[in-house]
Amino acid sequence: MASTSSSTLTISSSSTLVDAKAPKHSSTSSPQSVTLPTLPLRTSKATAFCRKLARNVMAMATTGEAPPSAVATDVASVEVAELPEFVKTLQEAWDKVEDKYAVSSIAVFGGVALWGSTGVISAIDRLPLVPGLLEVVGIGYTGWFAYKNLVFKPDRDAFIRKVKETYKEIIGSSY
């Protein structure tokens, strides 16, 4: 016949580990006792919301229905955190998109292309003399572009007209 013995596991809270010191084992404590540090109290909106949520779950488990005041406060607390204007505009634009699959695919491929191009640029940047040469070419092209399109008034007006026409072709309206 097999005999069973029951042993208890006690967990006590202590602040001995808070100071990063190992707890001292006394001769009176049993080898099955575990000492854990106390957790710091955190008071935040998320903690309060979790407490409300836990209360509502308990109320639903015991009565079968959520308290009506709890539902109203949860909805109100969610609505308090308003989204920035940029996010609202982005959501409205996303709702207007008909082919979300194509737009999502383009965004993913754009991210992959950006990641790949950063790898190529960092590989080129590690080559000797190439970064300095590319910097000189960039400075030279910027100077040529400014001289050709921005220095003289007739050239500047023609450049601005060309930019507005291109913008109108792409967007469909002018600013």
Protein backbone atom coordinates (compact mmCIF):
# COMPACT_ATOMS: atom_id res chain seq x y z
CA MET A 1 0.00 0.00 0.00
CA ALA A 2 1.22 3.42 -0.85
CA SER A 3 1.01 6.14 1.68
CA THR A 4 0.61 9.75 0.72
CA SER A 5 1.87 12.65 2.69
CA SER A 6 0.73 16.18 2.21
CA SER A 7 3.07 19.09 2.60
CA THR A 8 2.16 22.72 2.52
CA LEU A 9 3.90 25.35 0.49
CA THR A 10 3.94 28.72 2.17
CA ILE A 11 4.65 31.91 0.35
CA SER A 12 5.38 34.92 2.46
CA SER A 13 5.97 38.40 1.23
CA SER A 14 9.14 40.08 2.35
CA SER A 15 11.23 43.06 1.40
CA THR A 16 14.58 41.32 1.73
CA LEU A 17 15.12 41.02 -2.02
CA VAL A 18 14.20 44.63 -2.71
CA ASP A 19 17.66 45.73 -1.57
CA ALA A 20 19.24 43.11 -3.88
CA LYS A 21 20.42 41.08 -0.94
CA ALA A 22 19.95 37.38 -0.69
CA PRO A 23 17.55 36.38 2.07
CA LYS A 24 19.08 34.83 5.12
CA HIS A 25 17.92 31.27 5.69
CA SER A 26 16.99 30.67 9.26
CA SER A 27 17.15 27.28 10.82
CA THR A 28 13.46 27.45 11.71
CA SER A 29 12.20 27.86 8.15
CA SER A 30 11.31 24.73 6.30
CA PRO A 31 13.00 23.93 2.97
CA GLN A 32 9.60 24.22 1.28
CA SER A 33 9.04 27.85 2.23
CA VAL A 34 9.53 30.46 -0.48
CA THR A 35 10.13 34.12 0.18
CA LEU A 36 9.16 36.61 -2.52
CA PRO A 37 9.75 40.36 -2.58
CA THR A 38 6.81 42.69 -2.38
CA LEU A 39 5.80 44.40 -5.60
CA PRO A 40 5.71 48.18 -5.74
CA LEU A 41 2.26 49.71 -5.91
CA ARG A 42 1.51 51.27 -9.25
CA THR A 43 -1.35 53.64 -9.66
CA SER A 44 -2.15 54.53 -13.21
CA LYS A 45 -5.12 54.77 -15.52
CA ALA A 46 -4.39 51.31 -16.88
CA THR A 47 -4.35 49.82 -13.39
CA ALA A 48 -7.62 51.52 -12.49
CA PHE A 49 -9.17 50.35 -15.74
CA CYS A 50 -8.00 46.78 -15.07
CA ARG A 51 -9.52 46.91 -11.59
CA LYS A 52 -12.85 48.10 -13.03
CA LEU A 53 -12.68 45.39 -15.63
CA ALA A 54 -11.97 42.74 -12.99
CA ARG A 55 -14.91 44.01 -10.90
CA ASN A 56 -17.17 43.83 -13.93
CA VAL A 57 -16.03 40.30 -14.72
CA MET A 58 -16.71 39.25 -11.14
CA ALA A 59 -20.14 40.88 -11.25
CA MET A 60 -20.92 39.15 -14.53
CA ALA A 61 -19.77 35.80 -13.12
CA THR A 62 -21.90 36.06 -10.01
CA THR A 63 -25.04 37.73 -11.37
CA GLY A 64 -24.82 36.94 -15.06
CA GLU A 65 -25.12 40.61 -16.07
CA ALA A 66 -22.76 43.54 -16.08
CA PRO A 67 -23.72 46.48 -13.90
CA PRO A 68 -25.12 49.25 -16.12
CA SER A 69 -22.95 51.90 -14.44
CA ALA A 70 -19.83 49.84 -15.18
CA VAL A 71 -20.62 49.63 -18.88
CA ALA A 72 -21.18 53.38 -19.06
CA THR A 73 -17.92 54.19 -17.24
CA ASP A 74 -15.91 51.81 -19.42
CA VAL A 75 -17.23 53.41 -22.60
CA ALA A 76 -16.62 56.88 -21.19
CA SER A 77 -13.06 56.04 -20.19
CA VAL A 78 -12.32 54.72 -23.66
CA GLU A 79 -13.78 57.83 -25.31
CA VAL A 80 -11.75 60.18 -23.09
CA ALA A 81 -8.55 59.28 -24.95
CA GLU A 82 -9.12 61.10 -28.23
CA LEU A 83 -7.02 60.39 -31.27
CA PRO A 84 -4.85 63.09 -32.84
CA GLU A 85 -6.17 64.88 -35.92
CA PHE A 86 -3.58 63.15 -38.12
CA VAL A 87 -4.84 59.71 -37.08
CA LYS A 88 -8.47 60.72 -37.69
CA THR A 89 -7.57 61.98 -41.17
CA LEU A 90 -5.67 58.78 -41.86
CA GLN A 91 -8.64 56.65 -40.75
CA GLU A 92 -11.02 58.62 -42.98
CA ALA A 93 -8.67 58.20 -45.95
CA TRP A 94 -8.37 54.46 -45.25
CA ASP A 95 -12.17 54.12 -45.11
CA LYS A 96 -12.42 55.76 -48.56
CA VAL A 97 -9.98 53.26 -50.14
CA GLU A 98 -11.78 50.65 -52.22
CA ASP A 99 -8.90 48.23 -52.87
CA LYS A 100 -7.34 47.88 -49.43
CA TYR A 101 -5.45 44.75 -50.46
CA ALA A 102 -3.54 46.61 -53.19
CA VAL A 103 -2.76 49.56 -50.93
CA SER A 104 -1.56 47.22 -48.16
CA SER A 105 0.60 45.30 -50.66
CA ILE A 106 2.15 48.52 -51.94
CA ALA A 107 2.87 49.64 -48.36
CA VAL A 108 4.52 46.31 -47.49
CA PHE A 109 6.60 46.26 -50.66
CA GLY A 110 7.55 49.90 -50.06
CA GLY A 111 8.76 49.00 -46.57
CA VAL A 112 10.75 46.06 -47.94
CA ALA A 113 12.26 48.29 -50.65
CA LEU A 114 13.18 50.91 -48.05
CA TRP A 115 14.81 48.25 -45.87
CA GLY A 116 16.72 46.86 -48.86
CA SER A 117 17.84 50.28 -50.00
CA THR A 118 19.21 51.10 -46.55
CA GLY A 119 21.29 47.93 -46.79
CA VAL A 120 22.63 48.93 -50.20
CA ILE A 121 23.39 52.47 -49.04
CA SER A 122 25.21 51.25 -45.94
CA ALA A 123 27.26 48.85 -48.11
CA ILE A 124 28.20 51.70 -50.46
CA ASP A 125 29.00 53.93 -47.50
CA ARG A 126 31.59 51.41 -46.26
CA LEU A 127 33.54 51.57 -49.54
CA PRO A 128 36.53 53.90 -49.46
CA LEU A 129 36.32 57.16 -51.49
CA VAL A 130 32.75 56.47 -52.70
CA PRO A 131 30.93 58.43 -49.96
CA GLY A 132 33.14 61.48 -50.50
CA LEU A 133 32.67 61.28 -54.28
CA LEU A 134 28.89 60.98 -53.94
CA GLU A 135 28.86 63.96 -51.57
CA VAL A 136 30.77 66.09 -54.10
CA VAL A 137 28.38 65.00 -56.89
CA GLY A 138 25.38 65.92 -54.67
CA ILE A 139 26.77 69.34 -53.84
CA GLY A 140 27.56 69.99 -57.52
CA TYR A 141 24.07 68.95 -58.68
CA THR A 142 22.43 71.09 -55.98
CA GLY A 143 24.42 74.13 -57.13
CA TRP A 144 23.58 73.50 -60.80
CA PHE A 145 19.88 73.03 -60.00
CA ALA A 146 19.73 76.24 -57.93
CA TYR A 147 21.54 78.22 -60.66
CA LYS A 148 19.33 76.85 -63.44
CA ASN A 149 15.93 77.08 -61.68
CA LEU A 150 16.05 79.42 -58.69
CA VAL A 151 18.50 82.29 -59.19
CA PHE A 152 16.79 84.28 -61.96
CA LYS A 153 13.13 85.38 -61.76
CA PRO A 154 11.93 84.07 -65.19
CA ASP A 155 13.52 80.67 -64.51
CA ARG A 156 12.05 80.60 -61.01
CA ASP A 157 8.54 81.42 -62.32
CA ALA A 158 8.83 78.70 -64.96
CA PHE A 159 9.95 76.20 -62.32
CA ILE A 160 7.06 77.08 -59.98
CA ARG A 161 4.59 76.79 -62.90
CA LYS A 162 6.02 73.35 -63.77
CA VAL A 163 5.73 72.18 -60.14
CA LYS A 164 2.09 73.35 -59.97
CA GLU A 165 1.24 71.60 -63.26
CA THR A 166 2.82 68.37 -62.07
CA TYR A 167 0.99 68.66 -58.74
CA LYS A 168 -2.30 69.24 -60.57
CA GLU A 169 -1.71 66.17 -62.77
CA ILE A 170 -1.02 63.96 -59.76
CA ILE A 171 -3.60 65.26 -57.28
CA GLY A 172 -6.19 66.70 -59.60
CA SER A 173 -6.39 70.11 -57.94
CA SER A 174 -4.15 73.06 -57.33
CA TYR A 175 -3.37 74.80 -54.11
